[in-house]
N, C-alpha and C. Protein backbone atom coordinates (compact mmCIF):
# COMPACT_ATOMS: atom_id res chain seq x y z
N MET A 1 22.82 -95.90 53.81
CA MET A 1 23.37 -95.82 52.34
C MET A 1 22.42 -94.59 51.61
N LEU A 2 23.13 -93.64 51.05
CA LEU A 2 22.57 -92.64 50.43
C LEU A 2 22.42 -92.86 49.07
N VAL A 3 21.30 -92.20 48.27
CA VAL A 3 21.15 -92.34 46.92
C VAL A 3 22.50 -92.09 46.17
N LYS A 4 23.20 -91.12 46.55
CA LYS A 4 24.39 -90.57 45.76
C LYS A 4 25.33 -91.85 45.65
N ASP A 5 25.44 -92.81 46.63
CA ASP A 5 26.21 -93.65 46.66
C ASP A 5 26.19 -94.78 45.65
N ILE A 6 24.80 -94.94 45.16
CA ILE A 6 24.58 -96.14 44.23
C ILE A 6 23.91 -95.67 43.06
N MET A 7 23.62 -94.39 42.84
CA MET A 7 23.01 -93.89 41.66
C MET A 7 24.00 -93.85 40.37
N LYS A 8 23.33 -93.97 39.25
CA LYS A 8 24.20 -93.86 37.96
C LYS A 8 24.25 -92.37 37.65
N SER A 9 25.36 -91.78 37.53
CA SER A 9 25.58 -90.37 37.31
C SER A 9 25.69 -90.06 35.66
N ASN A 10 25.74 -91.01 34.68
CA ASN A 10 26.11 -90.90 33.44
C ASN A 10 24.51 -91.05 32.88
N VAL A 11 23.79 -90.12 32.76
CA VAL A 11 22.42 -90.11 32.24
C VAL A 11 22.34 -89.61 30.89
N VAL A 12 21.50 -90.35 30.09
CA VAL A 12 21.55 -90.03 28.82
C VAL A 12 20.19 -89.34 28.62
N THR A 13 20.19 -88.19 27.96
CA THR A 13 18.99 -87.30 27.77
C THR A 13 18.54 -87.17 26.27
N VAL A 14 17.23 -86.82 26.04
CA VAL A 14 16.81 -86.60 24.69
C VAL A 14 15.78 -85.35 24.83
N SER A 15 15.84 -84.58 23.65
CA SER A 15 15.05 -83.40 23.67
C SER A 15 13.60 -84.00 23.34
N ALA A 16 12.68 -83.17 24.07
CA ALA A 16 11.23 -83.49 24.08
C ALA A 16 10.66 -83.50 22.50
N PHE A 17 11.44 -82.58 21.65
CA PHE A 17 10.92 -82.55 20.19
C PHE A 17 11.49 -83.76 19.40
N ALA A 18 12.47 -84.58 19.94
CA ALA A 18 12.98 -85.55 19.22
C ALA A 18 11.77 -86.51 18.67
N THR A 19 11.89 -87.25 17.74
CA THR A 19 10.92 -88.23 17.46
C THR A 19 11.09 -89.43 18.11
N VAL A 20 10.14 -90.25 18.24
CA VAL A 20 10.22 -91.53 18.86
C VAL A 20 11.25 -92.43 18.32
N ARG A 21 11.62 -92.62 16.88
CA ARG A 21 12.45 -93.14 16.30
C ARG A 21 14.13 -92.66 16.81
N GLN A 22 14.09 -91.45 17.01
CA GLN A 22 15.40 -90.96 17.43
C GLN A 22 15.73 -91.40 18.89
N ALA A 23 14.62 -91.30 19.49
CA ALA A 23 14.76 -91.78 21.09
C ALA A 23 15.09 -93.29 21.22
N MET A 24 14.58 -94.08 20.43
CA MET A 24 14.75 -95.40 20.18
C MET A 24 16.20 -95.83 19.70
N LYS A 25 16.75 -95.04 18.70
CA LYS A 25 18.16 -95.11 18.29
C LYS A 25 19.11 -94.81 19.34
N THR A 26 18.81 -93.76 20.15
CA THR A 26 19.62 -93.39 21.33
C THR A 26 19.60 -94.46 22.44
N MET A 27 18.52 -95.09 22.60
CA MET A 27 18.43 -96.08 23.58
C MET A 27 19.35 -97.20 23.19
N ARG A 28 19.03 -97.68 21.89
CA ARG A 28 20.05 -98.83 21.43
C ARG A 28 21.42 -98.52 21.45
N GLU A 29 21.72 -97.31 21.09
CA GLU A 29 23.29 -96.94 21.12
C GLU A 29 23.99 -97.09 22.36
N HIS A 30 23.09 -96.65 23.42
CA HIS A 30 23.66 -96.63 24.92
C HIS A 30 23.25 -97.95 25.58
N GLY A 31 22.46 -98.78 24.99
CA GLY A 31 22.12 -100.10 25.68
C GLY A 31 21.33 -99.94 26.93
N ILE A 32 20.46 -98.73 26.77
CA ILE A 32 19.71 -98.69 27.93
C ILE A 32 18.02 -98.68 27.58
N LYS A 33 17.09 -98.67 28.59
CA LYS A 33 15.79 -98.93 28.35
C LYS A 33 15.00 -97.62 28.69
N SER A 34 15.70 -96.55 28.88
CA SER A 34 14.88 -95.19 29.30
C SER A 34 15.85 -94.03 28.85
N LEU A 35 15.21 -92.86 28.76
CA LEU A 35 15.88 -91.86 28.63
C LEU A 35 15.30 -90.53 29.40
N VAL A 36 16.16 -89.68 29.79
CA VAL A 36 15.66 -88.62 30.51
C VAL A 36 15.28 -87.36 29.51
N VAL A 37 14.03 -86.93 29.52
CA VAL A 37 13.63 -85.90 28.52
C VAL A 37 13.96 -84.40 29.26
N GLN A 38 14.83 -83.89 28.40
CA GLN A 38 15.49 -82.60 28.79
C GLN A 38 14.34 -81.52 29.30
N LYS A 39 14.48 -80.67 30.19
CA LYS A 39 13.71 -79.39 30.43
C LYS A 39 13.62 -78.55 29.32
N GLY A 40 12.52 -77.85 28.97
CA GLY A 40 12.46 -76.89 27.92
C GLY A 40 13.02 -75.55 28.35
N ASN A 41 13.03 -75.16 29.62
CA ASN A 41 13.56 -74.06 30.34
C ASN A 41 13.86 -74.33 31.76
N GLU A 42 14.38 -73.36 32.51
CA GLU A 42 14.69 -73.53 33.84
C GLU A 42 13.41 -73.79 34.78
N HIS A 43 12.24 -73.49 34.34
CA HIS A 43 11.10 -73.64 35.25
C HIS A 43 10.40 -74.85 34.78
N ASP A 44 10.76 -75.70 33.72
CA ASP A 44 10.06 -76.87 33.31
C ASP A 44 10.53 -78.01 34.21
N ALA A 45 9.90 -78.92 33.86
CA ALA A 45 10.21 -80.28 34.66
C ALA A 45 10.91 -81.27 33.79
N TYR A 46 11.69 -82.13 34.43
CA TYR A 46 12.29 -83.20 33.54
C TYR A 46 11.24 -84.36 33.23
N GLY A 47 11.40 -85.00 32.20
CA GLY A 47 10.53 -86.06 31.86
C GLY A 47 11.17 -87.45 31.82
N LEU A 48 10.60 -88.49 31.37
CA LEU A 48 11.17 -89.76 31.30
C LEU A 48 10.37 -90.66 30.28
N ILE A 49 11.11 -91.17 29.35
CA ILE A 49 10.52 -91.93 28.19
C ILE A 49 11.17 -93.39 28.38
N THR A 50 10.47 -94.47 28.32
CA THR A 50 10.87 -95.88 28.55
C THR A 50 10.35 -96.67 27.42
N TYR A 51 10.93 -97.95 27.38
CA TYR A 51 10.51 -98.78 26.27
C TYR A 51 9.02 -99.16 26.51
N ASN A 52 8.51 -99.13 27.73
CA ASN A 52 7.02 -99.30 27.88
C ASN A 52 6.33 -98.30 27.37
N ASP A 53 6.58 -97.11 27.31
CA ASP A 53 5.91 -95.92 26.58
C ASP A 53 5.81 -96.12 25.31
N ILE A 54 7.16 -96.53 24.63
CA ILE A 54 7.19 -96.67 23.12
C ILE A 54 6.23 -97.82 22.79
N LEU A 55 6.38 -98.94 23.44
CA LEU A 55 5.71 -100.00 23.11
C LEU A 55 4.14 -99.83 23.08
N LYS A 56 3.82 -99.25 24.06
CA LYS A 56 2.22 -98.94 24.33
C LYS A 56 1.87 -98.00 23.26
N THR A 57 2.68 -97.04 22.81
CA THR A 57 2.35 -96.14 21.74
C THR A 57 2.19 -96.72 20.46
N ILE A 58 3.32 -97.66 20.02
CA ILE A 58 3.45 -98.30 18.71
C ILE A 58 2.62 -99.38 18.46
N VAL A 59 2.30 -100.35 19.38
CA VAL A 59 1.73 -101.54 19.28
C VAL A 59 0.44 -101.36 19.63
N ALA A 60 -0.04 -100.86 20.84
CA ALA A 60 -1.54 -100.63 21.19
C ALA A 60 -2.21 -99.64 20.53
N GLU A 61 -1.42 -98.40 20.30
CA GLU A 61 -2.19 -97.48 19.43
C GLU A 61 -1.79 -97.36 18.07
N GLU A 62 -0.96 -98.23 17.57
CA GLU A 62 -0.51 -98.14 16.16
C GLU A 62 -0.04 -96.84 15.81
N GLY A 63 0.81 -96.35 16.62
CA GLY A 63 1.57 -95.18 16.43
C GLY A 63 2.73 -95.11 15.43
N ASP A 64 3.03 -94.13 14.66
CA ASP A 64 4.18 -94.08 13.70
C ASP A 64 5.36 -93.30 14.45
N ILE A 65 6.49 -94.14 14.55
CA ILE A 65 7.66 -93.64 15.19
C ILE A 65 8.41 -92.46 14.66
N ASP A 66 7.96 -92.17 13.36
CA ASP A 66 8.55 -90.95 12.65
C ASP A 66 7.61 -89.70 12.93
N LEU A 67 6.36 -89.91 13.19
CA LEU A 67 5.34 -88.75 13.36
C LEU A 67 5.05 -88.28 14.83
N ILE A 68 5.53 -89.43 15.80
CA ILE A 68 5.22 -89.00 17.15
C ILE A 68 6.52 -88.42 17.97
N ASN A 69 6.36 -87.25 18.60
CA ASN A 69 7.45 -86.60 19.34
C ASN A 69 7.51 -87.24 20.68
N VAL A 70 8.72 -87.21 21.30
CA VAL A 70 8.88 -87.83 22.59
C VAL A 70 7.93 -87.07 23.70
N TYR A 71 7.70 -85.89 23.42
CA TYR A 71 6.88 -85.09 24.40
C TYR A 71 5.35 -85.60 24.42
N ASP A 72 4.95 -86.21 23.26
CA ASP A 72 3.63 -86.83 23.06
C ASP A 72 3.32 -87.94 24.24
N ILE A 73 4.54 -88.75 24.34
CA ILE A 73 4.30 -89.89 25.03
C ILE A 73 5.01 -90.10 26.39
N CYS A 74 6.07 -89.29 26.78
CA CYS A 74 6.97 -89.27 27.99
C CYS A 74 5.99 -89.06 29.15
N THR A 75 6.57 -89.50 30.24
CA THR A 75 6.04 -89.08 31.65
C THR A 75 6.61 -87.93 32.10
N LYS A 76 5.80 -86.78 32.45
CA LYS A 76 6.34 -85.57 32.60
C LYS A 76 5.42 -84.96 33.54
N PRO A 77 5.67 -84.43 34.82
CA PRO A 77 7.11 -84.44 35.27
C PRO A 77 7.43 -85.85 35.83
N ALA A 78 8.73 -86.17 35.78
CA ALA A 78 9.17 -87.35 36.13
C ALA A 78 9.49 -87.22 37.75
N LEU A 79 9.35 -88.42 38.44
CA LEU A 79 9.53 -88.35 39.90
C LEU A 79 10.98 -87.99 40.08
N ILE A 80 11.36 -87.17 41.03
CA ILE A 80 12.87 -87.01 41.46
C ILE A 80 12.94 -87.12 42.82
N VAL A 81 14.25 -87.36 43.12
CA VAL A 81 14.60 -87.39 44.63
C VAL A 81 15.99 -86.64 44.74
N SER A 82 16.22 -86.29 46.02
CA SER A 82 17.67 -85.81 46.30
C SER A 82 18.69 -86.69 46.29
N ARG A 83 19.69 -86.33 46.04
CA ARG A 83 20.90 -87.49 46.07
C ARG A 83 21.29 -87.59 47.52
N GLU A 84 20.84 -86.80 48.35
CA GLU A 84 21.07 -87.03 49.93
C GLU A 84 20.02 -87.86 50.54
N LEU A 85 19.16 -88.37 49.87
CA LEU A 85 17.86 -89.21 50.47
C LEU A 85 18.54 -90.62 50.86
N GLU A 86 17.88 -91.19 51.80
CA GLU A 86 18.38 -92.53 52.23
C GLU A 86 17.71 -93.47 51.17
N VAL A 87 18.54 -94.48 50.79
CA VAL A 87 17.97 -95.44 49.63
C VAL A 87 16.76 -96.17 50.22
N LYS A 88 16.57 -96.49 51.38
CA LYS A 88 15.30 -97.06 51.87
C LYS A 88 14.04 -96.42 51.50
N TYR A 89 14.16 -95.24 51.63
CA TYR A 89 13.01 -94.28 51.22
C TYR A 89 12.67 -94.32 49.76
N VAL A 90 13.68 -94.37 49.08
CA VAL A 90 13.57 -94.46 47.62
C VAL A 90 12.90 -95.87 47.07
N ALA A 91 13.35 -96.92 47.78
CA ALA A 91 12.96 -98.28 47.63
C ALA A 91 11.39 -98.35 47.99
N ARG A 92 10.99 -97.81 49.12
CA ARG A 92 9.70 -97.66 49.54
C ARG A 92 8.72 -97.09 48.47
N LEU A 93 9.44 -95.94 48.06
CA LEU A 93 8.48 -95.20 47.05
C LEU A 93 8.44 -95.95 45.72
N MET A 94 9.32 -96.78 45.53
CA MET A 94 9.20 -97.52 44.15
C MET A 94 8.24 -98.54 44.27
N VAL A 95 8.40 -99.30 45.25
CA VAL A 95 7.39 -100.40 45.71
C VAL A 95 6.00 -99.96 45.80
N ASN A 96 5.85 -98.81 46.34
CA ASN A 96 4.51 -98.27 46.72
C ASN A 96 3.82 -97.74 45.44
N MET A 97 4.68 -97.17 44.59
CA MET A 97 4.21 -96.65 43.18
C MET A 97 4.35 -97.54 42.18
N SER A 98 4.79 -98.55 42.18
CA SER A 98 5.29 -99.46 41.19
C SER A 98 5.91 -98.85 40.00
N ILE A 99 6.93 -98.36 40.33
CA ILE A 99 7.95 -97.60 39.41
C ILE A 99 9.37 -98.27 39.52
N HIS A 100 10.00 -98.09 38.51
CA HIS A 100 11.37 -98.81 38.43
C HIS A 100 12.53 -97.83 38.31
N ARG A 101 12.29 -96.60 38.11
CA ARG A 101 13.54 -95.66 38.03
C ARG A 101 12.98 -94.24 38.62
N ILE A 102 13.82 -93.65 39.11
CA ILE A 102 13.56 -92.17 39.55
C ILE A 102 14.86 -91.33 39.23
N LEU A 103 14.50 -90.11 38.84
CA LEU A 103 15.54 -89.11 38.60
C LEU A 103 16.20 -88.62 39.86
N VAL A 104 17.51 -88.40 39.88
CA VAL A 104 18.14 -87.81 41.03
C VAL A 104 18.69 -86.37 40.79
N THR A 105 18.42 -85.36 41.66
CA THR A 105 18.72 -84.08 41.64
C THR A 105 19.56 -83.51 42.64
N ASN A 106 20.26 -82.42 42.48
CA ASN A 106 20.96 -81.73 43.52
C ASN A 106 20.84 -80.21 43.19
N ALA A 107 20.20 -79.51 44.08
CA ALA A 107 19.83 -78.20 43.64
C ALA A 107 18.85 -78.05 42.52
N ASN A 108 17.92 -78.94 42.24
CA ASN A 108 17.10 -78.93 41.00
C ASN A 108 17.81 -79.09 39.97
N GLU A 109 18.96 -79.65 39.84
CA GLU A 109 19.54 -79.91 38.60
C GLU A 109 19.85 -81.32 38.42
N LEU A 110 19.76 -82.05 37.36
CA LEU A 110 19.83 -83.50 37.14
C LEU A 110 21.23 -83.96 37.33
N VAL A 111 21.38 -84.87 38.33
CA VAL A 111 22.79 -85.48 38.57
C VAL A 111 22.89 -87.04 38.33
N GLY A 112 21.68 -87.63 38.25
CA GLY A 112 21.71 -88.94 38.08
C GLY A 112 20.34 -89.75 38.04
N ILE A 113 20.42 -91.03 38.12
CA ILE A 113 19.39 -91.87 37.91
C ILE A 113 19.37 -92.98 38.84
N ILE A 114 18.49 -93.52 39.49
CA ILE A 114 18.43 -94.53 40.27
C ILE A 114 17.25 -95.76 40.04
N THR A 115 17.68 -96.86 39.80
CA THR A 115 16.61 -97.94 39.37
C THR A 115 16.53 -99.02 40.46
N MET A 116 15.49 -99.83 40.30
CA MET A 116 15.24 -100.80 41.33
C MET A 116 16.38 -101.83 41.30
N ASN A 117 17.02 -102.01 40.09
CA ASN A 117 18.30 -102.86 39.67
C ASN A 117 19.50 -102.38 40.66
N ASP A 118 19.58 -101.02 40.70
CA ASP A 118 20.78 -100.42 41.53
C ASP A 118 20.66 -100.64 42.88
N ILE A 119 19.46 -100.54 43.37
CA ILE A 119 19.12 -100.91 44.69
C ILE A 119 19.34 -102.26 45.20
N VAL A 120 18.78 -103.21 44.35
CA VAL A 120 19.07 -104.66 44.60
C VAL A 120 20.44 -105.13 44.44
N SER A 121 21.10 -104.51 43.46
CA SER A 121 22.59 -104.91 43.37
C SER A 121 23.45 -104.33 44.72
N ALA A 122 23.02 -103.14 45.17
CA ALA A 122 23.87 -102.52 46.31
C ALA A 122 23.49 -103.47 47.57
N ILE A 123 22.17 -104.02 47.66
CA ILE A 123 21.87 -104.89 48.75
C ILE A 123 22.69 -106.19 48.78
N LEU A 124 22.63 -106.62 47.43
CA LEU A 124 23.57 -108.04 47.28
C LEU A 124 24.92 -107.87 47.60
N GLU A 125 25.58 -106.64 47.18
CA GLU A 125 26.98 -106.31 47.45
C GLU A 125 27.24 -106.35 48.92
N MET A 126 26.35 -105.64 49.58
CA MET A 126 26.50 -105.62 51.02
C MET A 126 26.26 -106.89 51.82
N ALA A 127 25.41 -107.62 51.25
CA ALA A 127 25.27 -108.93 51.89
C ALA A 127 26.32 -109.93 51.68
N ASP A 128 26.87 -109.88 50.39
CA ASP A 128 28.39 -110.65 49.97
C ASP A 128 29.52 -110.08 50.98
N SER A 129 29.53 -108.86 51.28
CA SER A 129 30.70 -108.29 51.90
C SER A 129 30.69 -108.70 53.38
N GLU A 130 29.33 -108.86 53.91
CA GLU A 130 29.17 -109.25 55.39
C GLU A 130 29.51 -110.69 55.53
N GLN A 131 29.55 -111.56 54.47
CA GLN A 131 29.97 -113.05 54.68
C GLN A 131 31.22 -113.37 55.00
């Protein structure tokens, strides 16, 4: 099974210059827990901002969601894999690095995102179809 077979291709992005409040609003509107941070230019890297990043900043560091920009707290560069990679390697990478989501690219352009939940769901579907 390849990454392109189970990835989510409807990726929601946010500008690096958006405020944390704007990022949180976008997450809530789309019912998601992370956003891909857009590249600043063609030679830039994609980033990732998650609920965890936001909570750590607001609660632990007592940050202001209107004064902090996404680029201040996002993970950049985000880990990326090719859509042609076998899922077992992505799963191994996630487990070894203790991460829950990885961006998917094709020719260095964002085409999707894959999460641990996507992988587990695909495994369960395969197991159910074999019975």
